[in-house]
Amino acid sequence: MANVDRSSEEVSANTSTEKSNSSQSSKVEFSEDEEDLIIRMHKLVGDRWPLIAGRLPGRTAEEIKNYWTSRYSSSSQ
């Protein structure tokens, strides 16, 4: 039984870590070259985030979409 309780504590600790990591990941920094490429690709292919992410090694479609909406969304201006 003690192992079960310890597992619950570990799961709780992991969940807390994941939450803090997800809040940090929402503030991902992009280099100037990456920003330029995102802008150019968006002009060519629109909101096809997975296609754009394929041109940026190590970047996910979600990161790029979040970057775009935070920077260029009409509601943020």
PDB file of N, CA and C in Angstrom:
ATOM      1  N   MET A   1       0.811  -1.208   0.000  1.00  0.00           N
ATOM      2  CA  MET A   1       0.000   0.000   0.000  1.00  0.00           C
ATOM      3  C   MET A   1       0.852   1.269   0.000  1.00  0.00           C
ATOM      4  N   ALA A   2       1.974   1.236   0.688  1.00  0.00           N
ATOM      5  CA  ALA A   2       2.833   2.417   0.756  1.00  0.00           C
ATOM      6  C   ALA A   2       3.318   2.807  -0.625  1.00  0.00           C
ATOM      7  N   ASN A   3       3.593   1.829  -1.495  1.00  0.00           N
ATOM      8  CA  ASN A   3       4.038   2.124  -2.849  1.00  0.00           C
ATOM      9  C   ASN A   3       2.964   2.845  -3.644  1.00  0.00           C
ATOM     10  N   VAL A   4       1.712   2.480  -3.419  1.00  0.00           N
ATOM     11  CA  VAL A   4       0.613   3.130  -4.115  1.00  0.00           C
ATOM     12  C   VAL A   4       0.538   4.593  -3.706  1.00  0.00           C
ATOM     13  N   ASP A   5       0.654   4.869  -2.410  1.00  0.00           N
ATOM     14  CA  ASP A   5       0.609   6.243  -1.927  1.00  0.00           C
ATOM     15  C   ASP A   5       1.777   7.060  -2.479  1.00  0.00           C
ATOM     16  N   ARG A   6       2.947   6.457  -2.515  1.00  0.00           N
ATOM     17  CA  ARG A   6       4.110   7.164  -3.041  1.00  0.00           C
ATOM     18  C   ARG A   6       3.914   7.481  -4.519  1.00  0.00           C
ATOM     19  N   SER A   7       3.325   6.562  -5.260  1.00  0.00           N
ATOM     20  CA  SER A   7       3.061   6.793  -6.680  1.00  0.00           C
ATOM     21  C   SER A   7       2.127   7.972  -6.857  1.00  0.00           C
ATOM     22  N   SER A   8       1.127   8.087  -6.001  1.00  0.00           N
ATOM     23  CA  SER A   8       0.197   9.213  -6.079  1.00  0.00           C
ATOM     24  C   SER A   8       0.915  10.534  -5.856  1.00  0.00           C
ATOM     25  N   GLU A   9       1.847  10.529  -4.889  1.00  0.00           N
ATOM     26  CA  GLU A   9       2.616  11.745  -4.629  1.00  0.00           C
ATOM     27  C   GLU A   9       3.496  12.097  -5.811  1.00  0.00           C
ATOM     28  N   GLU A  10       4.104  11.082  -6.423  1.00  0.00           N
ATOM     29  CA  GLU A  10       4.944  11.325  -7.585  1.00  0.00           C
ATOM     30  C   GLU A  10       4.121  11.866  -8.735  1.00  0.00           C
ATOM     31  N   VAL A  11       2.930  11.315  -8.940  1.00  0.00           N
ATOM     32  CA  VAL A  11       2.053  11.795 -10.010  1.00  0.00           C
ATOM     33  C   VAL A  11       1.676  13.240  -9.753  1.00  0.00           C
ATOM     34  N   SER A  12       1.373  13.573  -8.504  1.00  0.00           N
ATOM     35  CA  SER A  12       1.027  14.942  -8.145  1.00  0.00           C
ATOM     36  C   SER A  12       2.198  15.886  -8.413  1.00  0.00           C
ATOM     37  N   ALA A  13       3.399  15.464  -8.041  1.00  0.00           N
ATOM     38  CA  ALA A  13       4.581  16.287  -8.278  1.00  0.00           C
ATOM     39  C   ALA A  13       4.827  16.454  -9.766  1.00  0.00           C
ATOM     40  N   ASN A  14       4.661  15.389 -10.538  1.00  0.00           N
ATOM     41  CA  ASN A  14       4.850  15.471 -11.982  1.00  0.00           C
ATOM     42  C   ASN A  14       3.828  16.396 -12.614  1.00  0.00           C
ATOM     43  N   THR A  15       2.596  16.360 -12.141  1.00  0.00           N
ATOM     44  CA  THR A  15       1.558  17.234 -12.677  1.00  0.00           C
ATOM     45  C   THR A  15       1.905  18.694 -12.420  1.00  0.00           C
ATOM     46  N   SER A  16       2.402  18.992 -11.224  1.00  0.00           N
ATOM     47  CA  SER A  16       2.800  20.361 -10.905  1.00  0.00           C
ATOM     48  C   SER A  16       3.939  20.816 -11.800  1.00  0.00           C
ATOM     49  N   THR A  17       4.898  19.923 -12.039  1.00  0.00           N
ATOM     50  CA  THR A  17       6.025  20.243 -12.911  1.00  0.00           C
ATOM     51  C   THR A  17       5.548  20.498 -14.328  1.00  0.00           C
ATOM     52  N   GLU A  18       4.633  19.672 -14.810  1.00  0.00           N
ATOM     53  CA  GLU A  18       4.110  19.848 -16.163  1.00  0.00           C
ATOM     54  C   GLU A  18       3.390  21.175 -16.297  1.00  0.00           C
ATOM     55  N   LYS A  19       2.620  21.569 -15.289  1.00  0.00           N
ATOM     56  CA  LYS A  19       1.908  22.841 -15.346  1.00  0.00           C
ATOM     57  C   LYS A  19       2.884  24.006 -15.428  1.00  0.00           C
ATOM     58  N   SER A  20       3.957  23.967 -14.629  1.00  0.00           N
ATOM     59  CA  SER A  20       4.919  25.063 -14.678  1.00  0.00           C
ATOM     60  C   SER A  20       5.669  25.055 -15.997  1.00  0.00           C
ATOM     61  N   ASN A  21       5.957  23.869 -16.537  1.00  0.00           N
ATOM     62  CA  ASN A  21       6.623  23.791 -17.836  1.00  0.00           C
ATOM     63  C   ASN A  21       5.723  24.313 -18.942  1.00  0.00           C
ATOM     64  N   SER A  22       4.422  24.034 -18.872  1.00  0.00           N
ATOM     65  CA  SER A  22       3.523  24.496 -19.930  1.00  0.00           C
ATOM     66  C   SER A  22       3.382  26.012 -19.891  1.00  0.00           C
ATOM     67  N   SER A  23       3.419  26.612 -18.708  1.00  0.00           N
ATOM     68  CA  SER A  23       3.339  28.072 -18.641  1.00  0.00           C
ATOM     69  C   SER A  23       4.623  28.700 -19.164  1.00  0.00           C
ATOM     70  N   GLN A  24       5.756  28.023 -18.958  1.00  0.00           N
ATOM     71  CA  GLN A  24       7.016  28.521 -19.489  1.00  0.00           C
ATOM     72  C   GLN A  24       7.064  28.361 -20.995  1.00  0.00           C
ATOM     73  N   SER A  25       6.518  27.248 -21.506  1.00  0.00           N
ATOM     74  CA  SER A  25       6.588  26.988 -22.937  1.00  0.00           C
ATOM     75  C   SER A  25       5.702  27.941 -23.730  1.00  0.00           C
ATOM     76  N   SER A  26       4.732  28.581 -23.076  1.00  0.00           N
ATOM     77  CA  SER A  26       3.884  29.526 -23.793  1.00  0.00           C
ATOM     78  C   SER A  26       4.646  30.821 -24.098  1.00  0.00           C
ATOM     79  N   LYS A  27       5.815  30.973 -23.493  1.00  0.00           N
ATOM     80  CA  LYS A  27       6.638  32.163 -23.706  1.00  0.00           C
ATOM     81  C   LYS A  27       7.902  31.797 -24.473  1.00  0.00           C
ATOM     82  N   VAL A  28       7.747  31.039 -25.528  1.00  0.00           N
ATOM     83  CA  VAL A  28       8.879  30.573 -26.317  1.00  0.00           C
ATOM     84  C   VAL A  28       9.446  31.734 -27.119  1.00  0.00           C
ATOM     85  N   GLU A  29      10.755  31.845 -27.111  1.00  0.00           N
ATOM     86  CA  GLU A  29      11.444  32.887 -27.868  1.00  0.00           C
ATOM     87  C   GLU A  29      11.764  32.377 -29.272  1.00  0.00           C
ATOM     88  N   PHE A  30      11.631  33.234 -30.248  1.00  0.00           N
ATOM     89  CA  PHE A  30      11.966  32.921 -31.628  1.00  0.00           C
ATOM     90  C   PHE A  30      13.079  33.851 -32.083  1.00  0.00           C
ATOM     91  N   SER A  31      14.008  33.300 -32.860  1.00  0.00           N
ATOM     92  CA  SER A  31      15.084  34.132 -33.396  1.00  0.00           C
ATOM     93  C   SER A  31      14.516  35.024 -34.497  1.00  0.00           C
ATOM     94  N   GLU A  32      15.271  36.024 -34.865  1.00  0.00           N
ATOM     95  CA  GLU A  32      14.844  36.928 -35.933  1.00  0.00           C
ATOM     96  C   GLU A  32      14.664  36.169 -37.247  1.00  0.00           C
ATOM     97  N   ASP A  33      15.567  35.237 -37.536  1.00  0.00           N
ATOM     98  CA  ASP A  33      15.446  34.427 -38.752  1.00  0.00           C
ATOM     99  C   ASP A  33      14.172  33.589 -38.735  1.00  0.00           C
ATOM    100  N   GLU A  34      13.845  33.008 -37.561  1.00  0.00           N
ATOM    101  CA  GLU A  34      12.621  32.210 -37.452  1.00  0.00           C
ATOM    102  C   GLU A  34      11.395  33.091 -37.661  1.00  0.00           C
ATOM    103  N   GLU A  35      11.402  34.278 -37.077  1.00  0.00           N
ATOM    104  CA  GLU A  35      10.277  35.199 -37.240  1.00  0.00           C
ATOM    105  C   GLU A  35      10.087  35.558 -38.710  1.00  0.00           C
ATOM    106  N   ASP A  36      11.180  35.865 -39.399  1.00  0.00           N
ATOM    107  CA  ASP A  36      11.104  36.200 -40.819  1.00  0.00           C
ATOM    108  C   ASP A  36      10.528  35.039 -41.631  1.00  0.00           C
ATOM    109  N   LEU A  37      10.997  33.828 -41.327  1.00  0.00           N
ATOM    110  CA  LEU A  37      10.510  32.659 -42.050  1.00  0.00           C
ATOM    111  C   LEU A  37       9.027  32.422 -41.783  1.00  0.00           C
ATOM    112  N   ILE A  38       8.598  32.587 -40.550  1.00  0.00           N
ATOM    113  CA  ILE A  38       7.182  32.410 -40.216  1.00  0.00           C
ATOM    114  C   ILE A  38       6.333  33.407 -40.996  1.00  0.00           C
ATOM    115  N   ILE A  39       6.765  34.642 -41.046  1.00  0.00           N
ATOM    116  CA  ILE A  39       6.011  35.676 -41.774  1.00  0.00           C
ATOM    117  C   ILE A  39       5.928  35.330 -43.255  1.00  0.00           C
ATOM    118  N   ARG A  40       7.070  34.960 -43.846  1.00  0.00           N
ATOM    119  CA  ARG A  40       7.077  34.618 -45.279  1.00  0.00           C
ATOM    120  C   ARG A  40       6.241  33.384 -45.573  1.00  0.00           C
ATOM    121  N   MET A  41       6.369  32.371 -44.734  1.00  0.00           N
ATOM    122  CA  MET A  41       5.594  31.146 -44.943  1.00  0.00           C
ATOM    123  C   MET A  41       4.101  31.408 -44.765  1.00  0.00           C
ATOM    124  N   HIS A  42       3.749  32.244 -43.793  1.00  0.00           N
ATOM    125  CA  HIS A  42       2.328  32.542 -43.578  1.00  0.00           C
ATOM    126  C   HIS A  42       1.733  33.245 -44.799  1.00  0.00           C
ATOM    127  N   LYS A  43       2.517  34.124 -45.412  1.00  0.00           N
ATOM    128  CA  LYS A  43       2.043  34.790 -46.638  1.00  0.00           C
ATOM    129  C   LYS A  43       1.806  33.777 -47.751  1.00  0.00           C
ATOM    130  N   LEU A  44       2.647  32.738 -47.800  1.00  0.00           N
ATOM    131  CA  LEU A  44       2.534  31.728 -48.856  1.00  0.00           C
ATOM    132  C   LEU A  44       1.448  30.692 -48.598  1.00  0.00           C
ATOM    133  N   VAL A  45       1.374  30.187 -47.368  1.00  0.00           N
ATOM    134  CA  VAL A  45       0.495  29.041 -47.100  1.00  0.00           C
ATOM    135  C   VAL A  45      -0.618  29.333 -46.101  1.00  0.00           C
ATOM    136  N   GLY A  46      -0.639  30.530 -45.542  1.00  0.00           N
ATOM    137  CA  GLY A  46      -1.693  30.871 -44.588  1.00  0.00           C
ATOM    138  C   GLY A  46      -1.495  30.178 -43.244  1.00  0.00           C
ATOM    139  N   ASP A  47      -2.606  29.793 -42.634  1.00  0.00           N
ATOM    140  CA  ASP A  47      -2.586  29.230 -41.280  1.00  0.00           C
ATOM    141  C   ASP A  47      -2.280  27.735 -41.251  1.00  0.00           C
ATOM    142  N   ARG A  48      -1.467  27.270 -42.120  1.00  0.00           N
ATOM    143  CA  ARG A  48      -1.101  25.849 -42.137  1.00  0.00           C
ATOM    144  C   ARG A  48       0.125  25.647 -41.258  1.00  0.00           C
ATOM    145  N   TRP A  49      -0.109  25.715 -39.945  1.00  0.00           N
ATOM    146  CA  TRP A  49       0.955  25.706 -38.945  1.00  0.00           C
ATOM    147  C   TRP A  49       1.842  24.466 -39.024  1.00  0.00           C
ATOM    148  N   PRO A  50       1.291  23.271 -39.241  1.00  0.00           N
ATOM    149  CA  PRO A  50       2.181  22.107 -39.342  1.00  0.00           C
ATOM    150  C   PRO A  50       3.156  22.208 -40.524  1.00  0.00           C
ATOM    151  N   LEU A  51       2.703  22.783 -41.615  1.00  0.00           N
ATOM    152  CA  LEU A  51       3.571  22.960 -42.776  1.00  0.00           C
ATOM    153  C   LEU A  51       4.696  23.950 -42.454  1.00  0.00           C
ATOM    154  N   ILE A  52       4.356  25.023 -41.782  1.00  0.00           N
ATOM    155  CA  ILE A  52       5.356  26.016 -41.383  1.00  0.00           C
ATOM    156  C   ILE A  52       6.331  25.396 -40.378  1.00  0.00           C
ATOM    157  N   ALA A  53       5.802  24.634 -39.424  1.00  0.00           N
ATOM    158  CA  ALA A  53       6.655  23.998 -38.412  1.00  0.00           C
ATOM    159  C   ALA A  53       7.640  23.023 -39.053  1.00  0.00           C
ATOM    160  N   GLY A  54       7.274  22.434 -40.168  1.00  0.00           N
ATOM    161  CA  GLY A  54       8.170  21.527 -40.859  1.00  0.00           C
ATOM    162  C   GLY A  54       9.415  22.214 -41.388  1.00  0.00           C
ATOM    163  N   ARG A  55       9.355  23.513 -41.547  1.00  0.00           N
ATOM    164  CA  ARG A  55      10.508  24.294 -42.018  1.00  0.00           C
ATOM    165  C   ARG A  55      11.374  24.816 -40.888  1.00  0.00           C
ATOM    166  N   LEU A  56      10.899  24.644 -39.646  1.00  0.00           N
ATOM    167  CA  LEU A  56      11.631  25.138 -38.478  1.00  0.00           C
ATOM    168  C   LEU A  56      11.958  23.966 -37.556  1.00  0.00           C
ATOM    169  N   PRO A  57      13.143  23.402 -37.674  1.00  0.00           N
ATOM    170  CA  PRO A  57      13.511  22.249 -36.847  1.00  0.00           C
ATOM    171  C   PRO A  57      13.373  22.552 -35.356  1.00  0.00           C
ATOM    172  N   GLY A  58      12.755  21.629 -34.640  1.00  0.00           N
ATOM    173  CA  GLY A  58      12.597  21.786 -33.199  1.00  0.00           C
ATOM    174  C   GLY A  58      11.394  22.602 -32.786  1.00  0.00           C
ATOM    175  N   ARG A  59      10.633  23.083 -33.739  1.00  0.00           N
ATOM    176  CA  ARG A  59       9.439  23.877 -33.420  1.00  0.00           C
ATOM    177  C   ARG A  59       8.190  23.064 -33.731  1.00  0.00           C
ATOM    178  N   THR A  60       7.169  23.240 -32.889  1.00  0.00           N
ATOM    179  CA  THR A  60       5.900  22.555 -33.126  1.00  0.00           C
ATOM    180  C   THR A  60       4.918  23.521 -33.769  1.00  0.00           C
ATOM    181  N   ALA A  61       3.915  22.952 -34.393  1.00  0.00           N
ATOM    182  CA  ALA A  61       2.871  23.764 -35.005  1.00  0.00           C
ATOM    183  C   ALA A  61       2.174  24.619 -33.947  1.00  0.00           C
ATOM    184  N   GLU A  62       1.988  24.056 -32.764  1.00  0.00           N
ATOM    185  CA  GLU A  62       1.321  24.796 -31.691  1.00  0.00           C
ATOM    186  C   GLU A  62       2.146  25.999 -31.244  1.00  0.00           C
ATOM    187  N   GLU A  63       3.466  25.837 -31.128  1.00  0.00           N
ATOM    188  CA  GLU A  63       4.326  26.959 -30.748  1.00  0.00           C
ATOM    189  C   GLU A  63       4.227  28.083 -31.766  1.00  0.00           C
ATOM    190  N   ILE A  64       4.233  27.725 -33.035  1.00  0.00           N
ATOM    191  CA  ILE A  64       4.185  28.722 -34.094  1.00  0.00           C
ATOM    192  C   ILE A  64       2.828  29.414 -34.119  1.00  0.00           C
ATOM    193  N   LYS A  65       1.772  28.640 -33.973  1.00  0.00           N
ATOM    194  CA  LYS A  65       0.427  29.235 -33.941  1.00  0.00           C
ATOM    195  C   LYS A  65       0.299  30.200 -32.762  1.00  0.00           C
ATOM    196  N   ASN A  66       0.769  29.784 -31.590  1.00  0.00           N
ATOM    197  CA  ASN A  66       0.703  30.658 -30.409  1.00  0.00           C
ATOM    198  C   ASN A  66       1.524  31.925 -30.616  1.00  0.00           C
ATOM    199  N   TYR A  67       2.699  31.775 -31.212  1.00  0.00           N
ATOM    200  CA  TYR A  67       3.528  32.940 -31.512  1.00  0.00           C
ATOM    201  C   TYR A  67       2.773  33.887 -32.447  1.00  0.00           C
ATOM    202  N   TRP A  68       2.206  33.332 -33.510  1.00  0.00           N
ATOM    203  CA  TRP A  68       1.524  34.150 -34.508  1.00  0.00           C
ATOM    204  C   TRP A  68       0.330  34.889 -33.906  1.00  0.00           C
ATOM    205  N   THR A  69      -0.486  34.162 -33.153  1.00  0.00           N
ATOM    206  CA  THR A  69      -1.679  34.803 -32.597  1.00  0.00           C
ATOM    207  C   THR A  69      -1.320  35.841 -31.547  1.00  0.00           C
ATOM    208  N   SER A  70      -0.233  35.620 -30.795  1.00  0.00           N
ATOM    209  CA  SER A  70       0.162  36.616 -29.805  1.00  0.00           C
ATOM    210  C   SER A  70       0.768  37.851 -30.444  1.00  0.00           C
ATOM    211  N   ARG A  71       1.401  37.699 -31.590  1.00  0.00           N
ATOM    212  CA  ARG A  71       2.068  38.824 -32.248  1.00  0.00           C
ATOM    213  C   ARG A  71       1.189  39.532 -33.275  1.00  0.00           C
ATOM    214  N   TYR A  72       0.464  38.757 -34.056  1.00  0.00           N
ATOM    215  CA  TYR A  72      -0.186  39.322 -35.240  1.00  0.00           C
ATOM    216  C   TYR A  72      -1.704  39.204 -35.247  1.00  0.00           C
ATOM    217  N   SER A  73      -2.287  38.714 -34.163  1.00  0.00           N
ATOM    218  CA  SER A  73      -3.736  38.625 -34.085  1.00  0.00           C
ATOM    219  C   SER A  73      -4.338  40.022 -34.041  1.00  0.00           C
ATOM    220  N   SER A  74      -5.436  40.221 -34.742  1.00  0.00           N
ATOM    221  CA  SER A  74      -6.056  41.553 -34.780  1.00  0.00           C
ATOM    222  C   SER A  74      -6.601  41.955 -33.419  1.00  0.00           C
ATOM    223  N   SER A  75      -6.928  40.974 -32.551  1.00  0.00           N
ATOM    224  CA  SER A  75      -7.437  41.308 -31.226  1.00  0.00           C
ATOM    225  C   SER A  75      -6.335  41.805 -30.290  1.00  0.00           C
ATOM    226  N   SER A  76      -5.065  41.507 -30.601  1.00  0.00           N
ATOM    227  CA  SER A  76      -3.970  41.952 -29.743  1.00  0.00           C
ATOM    228  C   SER A  76      -3.498  43.352 -30.102  1.00  0.00           C
ATOM    229  N   GLN A  77      -4.020  43.931 -31.167  1.00  0.00           N
ATOM    230  CA  GLN A  77      -3.580  45.274 -31.579  1.00  0.00           C
ATOM    231  C   GLN A  77      -4.516  46.344 -31.132  1.00  0.00           C
TER     232      GLN A  77
END
